[in-house]
């Protein structure tokens, strides 16, 4: 099927094609070599490659994937129900991975959520990649989200020399 959006047509398909700091590229290449990823929380400003990295990883390991744009969901319960249904169902591949894009919208809701431990148990039934948007290089307090993930990886904006080297 043809990509209808320019951004999708030219989205990198491999980690090597991403304009990222070398240490981050190496980290993700090691995940792929191992064939396994930890639960991740990716942060960074718009356009730094958070969603692209999540998609590359899930396309290159043996996994079933569920993508949820958390900013479109109305409640933590709705997200939890989707996650619970996906994570507890029979999979066809080695791993199940949930991509929670824009999960910073869940932060406030999670802090007020009565059944936080239950939510945490549901989310750990599958591998999870959380993606948060960071404004103005200020990393908000994501304590509730960080407690759900094992690895926080911040993706910085590319520097001018790094951009030029890809041209």
Foldseek 3Di string as FASTA:
>chain_A
DDDPDPCVNPQDQALVLALFPPVVSVVLVVCLVVLHDFAEEEEEAPPLCQVSSVVNSVVRHWEAEAEAAVVPDDAPVVVLVVLQVQLPDDTDTDFYEYEHEQCVVCQVRLVVDPPLVVSLVSNVSGRYYYYHHDPPPDDDDRPSVCVSGDYYHYTYHHDPVSVVVSD
